[in-house]
C-alpha atoms as a PDB file:
ATOM      1  CA  MET A   1      62.332  90.173-154.825  1.00  0.00           C
ATOM      2  CA  VAL A   2      63.150  93.668-153.617  1.00  0.00           C
ATOM      3  CA  ASN A   3      60.170  96.022-153.859  1.00  0.00           C
ATOM      4  CA  VAL A   4      61.257  99.652-154.246  1.00  0.00           C
ATOM      5  CA  ALA A   5      58.763 102.495-154.131  1.00  0.00           C
ATOM      6  CA  ILE A   6      59.738 105.678-155.960  1.00  0.00           C
ATOM      7  CA  THR A   7      58.098 108.934-155.026  1.00  0.00           C
ATOM      8  CA  GLY A   8      58.684 112.635-155.410  1.00  0.00           C
ATOM      9  CA  GLY A   9      56.742 115.856-155.515  1.00  0.00           C
ATOM     10  CA  ILE A  10      55.520 117.444-158.705  1.00  0.00           C
ATOM     11  CA  GLY A  11      58.447 118.690-160.800  1.00  0.00           C
ATOM     12  CA  SER A  12      61.029 116.631-158.913  1.00  0.00           C
ATOM     13  CA  GLY A  13      62.158 114.579-161.912  1.00  0.00           C
ATOM     14  CA  LYS A  14      60.645 111.320-160.742  1.00  0.00           C
ATOM     15  CA  THR A  15      59.360 110.502-164.226  1.00  0.00           C
ATOM     16  CA  GLU A  16      62.848 110.894-165.695  1.00  0.00           C
ATOM     17  CA  VAL A  17      64.123 108.434-163.082  1.00  0.00           C
ATOM     18  CA  THR A  18      61.458 105.848-163.901  1.00  0.00           C
ATOM     19  CA  ASN A  19      61.950 106.266-167.660  1.00  0.00           C
ATOM     20  CA  TYR A  20      65.676 105.678-167.189  1.00  0.00           C
ATOM     21  CA  LEU A  21      65.030 102.549-165.120  1.00  0.00           C
ATOM     22  CA  ILE A  22      62.747 101.206-167.857  1.00  0.00           C
ATOM     23  CA  SER A  23      65.445 101.904-170.449  1.00  0.00           C
ATOM     24  CA  LYS A  24      67.814  99.805-168.310  1.00  0.00           C
ATOM     25  CA  GLY A  25      65.393  96.867-168.479  1.00  0.00           C
ATOM     26  CA  PHE A  26      63.678  97.171-165.114  1.00  0.00           C
ATOM     27  CA  THR A  27      59.937  96.833-164.530  1.00  0.00           C
ATOM     28  CA  VAL A  28      58.282  99.973-163.180  1.00  0.00           C
ATOM     29  CA  ILE A  29      54.664  99.852-162.088  1.00  0.00           C
ATOM     30  CA  ASP A  30      53.229 103.320-162.742  1.00  0.00           C
ATOM     31  CA  ALA A  31      50.409 104.215-160.354  1.00  0.00           C
ATOM     32  CA  ASP A  32      49.735 107.500-162.187  1.00  0.00           C
ATOM     33  CA  LYS A  33      49.329 105.690-165.506  1.00  0.00           C
ATOM     34  CA  MET A  34      46.931 103.226-163.918  1.00  0.00           C
ATOM     35  CA  SER A  35      44.966 106.133-162.475  1.00  0.00           C
ATOM     36  CA  ARG A  36      44.809 107.889-165.857  1.00  0.00           C
ATOM     37  CA  GLU A  37      43.580 104.704-167.518  1.00  0.00           C
ATOM     38  CA  MET A  38      40.798 104.237-164.982  1.00  0.00           C
ATOM     39  CA  THR A  39      39.695 107.855-165.479  1.00  0.00           C
ATOM     40  CA  GLY A  40      39.933 107.687-169.276  1.00  0.00           C
ATOM     41  CA  ALA A  41      36.981 107.077-171.587  1.00  0.00           C
ATOM     42  CA  GLY A  42      35.396 103.817-170.496  1.00  0.00           C
ATOM     43  CA  GLY A  43      37.664 103.601-167.446  1.00  0.00           C
ATOM     44  CA  LYS A  44      36.415 101.670-164.449  1.00  0.00           C
ATOM     45  CA  ALA A  45      36.388 104.756-162.185  1.00  0.00           C
ATOM     46  CA  MET A  46      34.161 106.807-164.473  1.00  0.00           C
ATOM     47  CA  PRO A  47      30.823 105.512-163.109  1.00  0.00           C
ATOM     48  CA  TYR A  48      32.040 106.512-159.628  1.00  0.00           C
ATOM     49  CA  ILE A  49      33.045 109.984-160.908  1.00  0.00           C
ATOM     50  CA  LEU A  50      29.655 110.484-162.520  1.00  0.00           C
ATOM     51  CA  GLU A  51      27.789 109.381-159.393  1.00  0.00           C
ATOM     52  CA  HIS A  52      29.764 111.437-156.874  1.00  0.00           C
ATOM     53  CA  PHE A  53      30.813 114.510-158.883  1.00  0.00           C
ATOM     54  CA  GLY A  54      28.342 114.800-161.736  1.00  0.00           C
ATOM     55  CA  ALA A  55      28.472 115.060-165.512  1.00  0.00           C
ATOM     56  CA  SER A  56      30.181 118.468-165.432  1.00  0.00           C
ATOM     57  CA  PHE A  57      33.455 116.680-164.579  1.00  0.00           C
ATOM     58  CA  ILE A  58      33.258 114.396-167.601  1.00  0.00           C
ATOM     59  CA  MET A  59      34.552 115.394-171.038  1.00  0.00           C
ATOM     60  CA  GLU A  60      32.606 114.810-174.258  1.00  0.00           C
ATOM     61  CA  ASP A  61      34.709 111.716-174.984  1.00  0.00           C
ATOM     62  CA  GLY A  62      33.699 110.179-171.652  1.00  0.00           C
ATOM     63  CA  SER A  63      36.990 110.795-169.836  1.00  0.00           C
ATOM     64  CA  LEU A  64      37.573 112.750-166.652  1.00  0.00           C
ATOM     65  CA  ASP A  65      37.979 116.517-167.013  1.00  0.00           C
ATOM     66  CA  ARG A  66      41.280 116.447-165.132  1.00  0.00           C
ATOM     67  CA  ALA A  67      41.749 120.225-165.080  1.00  0.00           C
ATOM     68  CA  ALA A  68      38.324 120.838-163.547  1.00  0.00           C
ATOM     69  CA  MET A  69      38.778 118.037-161.026  1.00  0.00           C
ATOM     70  CA  ARG A  70      42.273 119.221-160.102  1.00  0.00           C
ATOM     71  CA  ASP A  71      40.978 122.728-159.423  1.00  0.00           C
ATOM     72  CA  LEU A  72      38.189 121.316-157.244  1.00  0.00           C
ATOM     73  CA  VAL A  73      40.128 118.812-155.125  1.00  0.00           C
ATOM     74  CA  PHE A  74      43.103 121.029-154.365  1.00  0.00           C
ATOM     75  CA  LYS A  75      40.751 123.649-152.965  1.00  0.00           C
ATOM     76  CA  ASP A  76      38.436 121.242-151.114  1.00  0.00           C
ATOM     77  CA  PRO A  77      40.061 118.501-148.980  1.00  0.00           C
ATOM     78  CA  ALA A  78      36.731 116.683-148.551  1.00  0.00           C
ATOM     79  CA  LYS A  79      36.322 116.390-152.337  1.00  0.00           C
ATOM     80  CA  LYS A  80      39.920 115.195-152.623  1.00  0.00           C
ATOM     81  CA  GLU A  81      39.209 112.428-150.124  1.00  0.00           C
ATOM     82  CA  LEU A  82      36.038 111.480-151.988  1.00  0.00           C
ATOM     83  CA  LEU A  83      37.946 111.238-155.278  1.00  0.00           C
ATOM     84  CA  GLU A  84      40.682 109.096-153.718  1.00  0.00           C
ATOM     85  CA  GLU A  85      38.084 106.680-152.359  1.00  0.00           C
ATOM     86  CA  GLY A  86      37.061 105.770-155.902  1.00  0.00           C
ATOM     87  CA  THR A  87      40.458 106.001-157.589  1.00  0.00           C
ATOM     88  CA  THR A  88      43.561 105.836-155.371  1.00  0.00           C
ATOM     89  CA  LYS A  89      42.346 102.918-153.259  1.00  0.00           C
ATOM     90  CA  VAL A  90      41.400 100.956-156.372  1.00  0.00           C
ATOM     91  CA  VAL A  91      44.834 101.604-157.899  1.00  0.00           C
ATOM     92  CA  LEU A  92      46.544 100.373-154.731  1.00  0.00           C
ATOM     93  CA  ALA A  93      44.598  97.101-154.875  1.00  0.00           C
ATOM     94  CA  ASP A  94      45.558  96.652-158.543  1.00  0.00           C
ATOM     95  CA  ILE A  95      49.218  97.333-157.718  1.00  0.00           C
ATOM     96  CA  GLU A  96      49.215  94.588-155.112  1.00  0.00           C
ATOM     97  CA  ALA A  97      47.915  92.096-157.674  1.00  0.00           C
ATOM     98  CA  ILE A  98      50.675  93.036-160.155  1.00  0.00           C
ATOM     99  CA  ARG A  99      53.337  92.772-157.466  1.00  0.00           C
ATOM    100  CA  LYS A 100      52.347  89.168-156.704  1.00  0.00           C
ATOM    101  CA  GLU A 101      52.376  88.325-160.412  1.00  0.00           C
ATOM    102  CA  ARG A 102      55.890  89.755-160.986  1.00  0.00           C
ATOM    103  CA  GLU A 103      57.268  87.962-157.942  1.00  0.00           C
ATOM    104  CA  GLU A 104      55.964  84.662-159.266  1.00  0.00           C
ATOM    105  CA  SER A 105      57.665  85.493-162.593  1.00  0.00           C
ATOM    106  CA  GLY A 106      61.058  85.729-160.866  1.00  0.00           C
ATOM    107  CA  ASP A 107      61.810  89.473-160.968  1.00  0.00           C
ATOM    108  CA  LYS A 108      64.719  90.389-158.636  1.00  0.00           C
ATOM    109  CA  ILE A 109      63.872  94.092-158.257  1.00  0.00           C
ATOM    110  CA  LEU A 110      60.494  95.669-158.864  1.00  0.00           C
ATOM    111  CA  PHE A 111      60.024  99.434-158.901  1.00  0.00           C
ATOM    112  CA  PHE A 112      56.768 101.183-158.105  1.00  0.00           C
ATOM    113  CA  ASP A 113      56.127 104.771-159.212  1.00  0.00           C
ATOM    114  CA  ILE A 114      53.785 106.113-156.519  1.00  0.00           C
ATOM    115  CA  PRO A 115      53.460 109.918-156.318  1.00  0.00           C
ATOM    116  CA  LEU A 116      51.301 109.896-153.159  1.00  0.00           C
ATOM    117  CA  LEU A 117      53.268 107.185-151.359  1.00  0.00           C
ATOM    118  CA  PHE A 118      53.559 108.901-147.975  1.00  0.00           C
ATOM    119  CA  GLU A 119      50.195 110.614-148.277  1.00  0.00           C
ATOM    120  CA  THR A 120      48.479 107.212-148.583  1.00  0.00           C
ATOM    121  CA  GLY A 121      50.596 105.677-145.825  1.00  0.00           C
ATOM    122  CA  THR A 122      51.688 102.776-148.033  1.00  0.00           C
ATOM    123  CA  HIS A 123      55.447 103.406-147.761  1.00  0.00           C
ATOM    124  CA  VAL A 124      55.571 100.724-145.051  1.00  0.00           C
ATOM    125  CA  ASP A 125      54.575  98.104-147.634  1.00  0.00           C
ATOM    126  CA  TYR A 126      57.892  98.324-149.533  1.00  0.00           C
ATOM    127  CA  ASP A 127      61.394  97.041-148.866  1.00  0.00           C
ATOM    128  CA  ALA A 128      62.930 100.400-149.750  1.00  0.00           C
ATOM    129  CA  VAL A 129      61.737 103.902-150.589  1.00  0.00           C
ATOM    130  CA  LEU A 130      63.479 106.245-153.021  1.00  0.00           C
ATOM    131  CA  VAL A 131      62.597 109.930-152.832  1.00  0.00           C
ATOM    132  CA  VAL A 132      63.436 112.121-155.821  1.00  0.00           C
ATOM    133  CA  THR A 133      63.524 115.761-154.834  1.00  0.00           C
ATOM    134  CA  ALA A 134      64.717 119.183-155.955  1.00  0.00           C
ATOM    135  CA  ASP A 135      64.616 122.762-154.720  1.00  0.00           C
ATOM    136  CA  TYR A 136      61.072 124.190-154.508  1.00  0.00           C
ATOM    137  CA  GLU A 137      61.508 126.999-157.032  1.00  0.00           C
ATOM    138  CA  LEU A 138      63.237 124.672-159.513  1.00  0.00           C
ATOM    139  CA  ARG A 139      60.385 122.163-159.238  1.00  0.00           C
ATOM    140  CA  LYS A 140      57.843 124.942-159.732  1.00  0.00           C
ATOM    141  CA  ALA A 141      59.683 126.276-162.801  1.00  0.00           C
ATOM    142  CA  ARG A 142      59.779 122.795-164.339  1.00  0.00           C
ATOM    143  CA  VAL A 143      56.028 122.342-163.904  1.00  0.00           C
ATOM    144  CA  MET A 144      55.279 125.781-165.345  1.00  0.00           C
ATOM    145  CA  ALA A 145      57.429 125.018-168.395  1.00  0.00           C
ATOM    146  CA  ARG A 146      55.976 121.540-168.842  1.00  0.00           C
ATOM    147  CA  ASP A 147      52.252 121.962-168.137  1.00  0.00           C
ATOM    148  CA  ASP A 148      51.481 125.686-168.528  1.00  0.00           C
ATOM    149  CA  ILE A 149      49.586 125.628-165.210  1.00  0.00           C
ATOM    150  CA  ASP A 150      48.760 128.792-163.275  1.00  0.00           C
ATOM    151  CA  PRO A 151      51.549 129.347-160.683  1.00  0.00           C
ATOM    152  CA  ALA A 152      48.938 129.688-157.913  1.00  0.00           C
ATOM    153  CA  ILE A 153      47.549 126.233-158.764  1.00  0.00           C
ATOM    154  CA  ILE A 154      51.075 124.783-158.728  1.00  0.00           C
ATOM    155  CA  ASP A 155      51.583 126.234-155.241  1.00  0.00           C
ATOM    156  CA  LEU A 156      48.316 124.634-154.103  1.00  0.00           C
ATOM    157  CA  ILE A 157      49.340 121.255-155.523  1.00  0.00           C
ATOM    158  CA  MET A 158      52.794 121.435-153.956  1.00  0.00           C
ATOM    159  CA  ASP A 159      51.362 122.538-150.612  1.00  0.00           C
ATOM    160  CA  THR A 160      49.024 119.522-150.449  1.00  0.00           C
ATOM    161  CA  GLN A 161      51.867 117.069-151.032  1.00  0.00           C
ATOM    162  CA  GLU A 162      53.860 115.682-148.143  1.00  0.00           C
ATOM    163  CA  ASP A 163      56.576 117.998-146.804  1.00  0.00           C
ATOM    164  CA  GLU A 164      59.862 117.415-148.659  1.00  0.00           C
ATOM    165  CA  GLU A 165      61.978 117.344-145.492  1.00  0.00           C
ATOM    166  CA  ARG A 166      59.691 114.718-143.958  1.00  0.00           C
ATOM    167  CA  LYS A 167      59.848 112.623-147.144  1.00  0.00           C
ATOM    168  CA  ILE A 168      63.634 112.778-147.115  1.00  0.00           C
ATOM    169  CA  ALA A 169      63.745 111.782-143.452  1.00  0.00           C
ATOM    170  CA  MET A 170      61.526 108.753-144.108  1.00  0.00           C
ATOM    171  CA  ALA A 171      63.330 107.592-147.270  1.00  0.00           C
ATOM    172  CA  ASP A 172      65.887 104.821-147.574  1.00  0.00           C
ATOM    173  CA  PHE A 173      67.463 106.502-150.617  1.00  0.00           C
ATOM    174  CA  VAL A 174      67.306 110.130-151.804  1.00  0.00           C
ATOM    175  CA  ILE A 175      68.256 111.591-155.169  1.00  0.00           C
ATOM    176  CA  PHE A 176      68.637 115.380-155.222  1.00  0.00           C
ATOM    177  CA  ASN A 177      67.784 116.396-158.784  1.00  0.00           C
ATOM    178  CA  ASN A 178      69.083 119.954-158.960  1.00  0.00           C
ATOM    179  CA  GLY A 179      71.573 119.304-161.760  1.00  0.00           C
ATOM    180  CA  THR A 180      71.704 117.882-165.267  1.00  0.00           C
ATOM    181  CA  ILE A 181      69.964 114.828-166.747  1.00  0.00           C
ATOM    182  CA  GLU A 182      73.351 113.109-166.906  1.00  0.00           C
ATOM    183  CA  GLU A 183      73.915 113.696-163.194  1.00  0.00           C
ATOM    184  CA  LEU A 184      70.460 112.318-162.465  1.00  0.00           C
ATOM    185  CA  HIS A 185      71.166 109.162-164.494  1.00  0.00           C
ATOM    186  CA  ASP A 186      74.499 108.707-162.687  1.00  0.00           C
ATOM    187  CA  ALA A 187      72.679 108.880-159.347  1.00  0.00           C
ATOM    188  CA  VAL A 188      70.227 106.211-160.516  1.00  0.00           C
ATOM    189  CA  ASP A 189      73.124 103.967-161.594  1.00  0.00           C
ATOM    190  CA  VAL A 190      74.598 104.266-158.101  1.00  0.00           C
ATOM    191  CA  LEU A 191      71.230 103.327-156.601  1.00  0.00           C
ATOM    192  CA  ILE A 192      70.929 100.238-158.820  1.00  0.00           C
ATOM    193  CA  LYS A 193      74.339  99.007-157.680  1.00  0.00           C
ATOM    194  CA  LYS A 194      73.294  99.385-154.052  1.00  0.00           C
ATOM    195  CA  LEU A 195      70.044  97.489-154.635  1.00  0.00           C
ATOM    196  CA  GLU A 196      71.767  94.678-156.526  1.00  0.00           C
ATOM    197  CA  PHE A 197      74.343  94.187-153.739  1.00  0.00           C
END
C-alpha cells in the first residue's frame, strides 16, 4: 500500500483536493476532522483542555472555543505546544492505528490529510508527500472569504505554518492551485495516474 500524505497551508485548496479524491473512491484520513471530533462536546481531549487551559476555553455545549484558543496559541508559542501535546500527538497515534487497519483491508493507496505534516516532522513516515500550494495573497483572500477572520489573525496563522518554499522543496509532488477548480481536478487526476503506475 502506498501511503500519501497531503498537506498545504491555510487557503491552499487542500480540502478541495481531498474532497475530489474521496469522490473518486479513495480513502482519505482527515487529521483535522479527527482533531475537531476530539475537541467537540464529549471529545477525549476536552478533559485535557479543561485542566491545562481552564473553563474559559470551553463553550456552553462542552466543546472547545476554537476562536479563543486560536487567538491564544498563535500569539503564544508555549501555549501552542501545550495544546499540541494533548491533541496533535493523540491524533497522530490514532492515524497510525487506522493506517494499519486499511493496509490489512487491502487498500492500494491511502491518503492522509495532515495540515501540520512538516511542522510535526511526520513527513518521513509516508511513501510520498503531496503539497498543495497557491500564491500568498490568493490564499489569504480565500480564507477571508470563507471564514470571515481578521486579516491580521490570518497573517499570524500563515506565518506560523512551515515556509511554502521549504514545503515545496521537501515534497514528492506539488500542485500549484492558482487557477480554476477544473484545473485543480485535472492536476489531481495526473497525480493519481503517477501513483497507480
